[in-house]
């Protein structure tokens, strides 16, 4: 009888259990194929500040043990570094912590207690298992709220629910780029959003800022983002996407509501980039040790005036550049002493995060923003997107 590998076992498991039972079934697979004593999955929350153990939300879990801070914990260090870590043996066994990440989207951490320290081959297979589990969770999340709920430490406002469901993900990685993005305040965000699309020969990135607060702002931004996607999928260039979205917003709001939007296109083969700057998002470029705000020609926000003719412009990018895109809720945020974040800490934050991966950059930027506000609540939504551009690989 042929030996069934864990890959085959996991695939058969996915086809035979319900979406809410996927994690329990995968734990059974892991127990069968690895010398494990205990397995825990921790998923990161919307704020990227806490890891939450996945349990049945109706099981009466102990919230004191369910939540693990990203900062200052062993699991959090694995999440932040995206590196496997092996802890000293405890009463349960040898703890191994593995990042659960799918194409740059950091979902959480898998904690496994083994009977003995893993060798290099074991570690390799455990990492593969954690990645495969990430794919399984994404598929299962289409049909159950279990893993969605495990990513929340508090209830989302309706406006935030609408915006988070509109996002592509919080991270994406490919041969030519690494992307990460974050919304804040995570549980109450209203009108700000980011979007991206990795095509076969280019990458598109957008950041949008809808007017107003609450669900009306979310509805406005939702219309803008979906109009941009519709135009993009119809084969229109950046300027055409902006024009179509402008017409859609004009038809719905008659110029009374509008959406500030930045559109970027980066081509893999040429390594070049173009932009349509129709609003207040800001682009900061880090090239080596040099940090500067990219000066783009400002055009009218989407939906402000009927018949606006948008034009693309060249954006200077080179292989190895890091682009940070921030909404005005970040660069215009003012401290209790009336200091603007852009002037006081933006460049310093970029330099301090230079050696960090893109996912950690957005998390640290949000931390710096809250430190700048010194305990004050954000007066506006905030978006941070980090793009590490690899450009065209050398032959």
Foldseek 3Di string as FASTA:
>chain_A
DDDDDLVNQLVVQLVPDALVCSVVSNVVSCVVHAQFQDKWWWWAAQLNFWTATQDPPPPPDDRVVRIDTLPPDPQNVCLFAQDWDWDDADPRAIWIKHFQDEQFFTTGIMITHGNHDDDPVRVVVVNVSSPVVSVSNVVSVVPDCRSVVSRHPDAAAPQLVLQVVLEPGQWHHDPFKTKGKHKPPNRFAHAWHKYWDDDPWKIKIKIKGWDDGDPVNSVLNSLLSVLLVVCVVVPDDPQSSLQSSLVSLCVVPVQPIFMFMKMKMAGQPVRWMKIWGAHAKWKWKDDPNDIDTFDDDYDHTRNRDHPGGTDMDTDDDDAQMKIKIKGCLQQQWAAPVRDGCVVPPPSVLCNVCVPGDQNSSNSVSVVVSCVRNVNDGRPHMMMIMMMRGRGHDDD
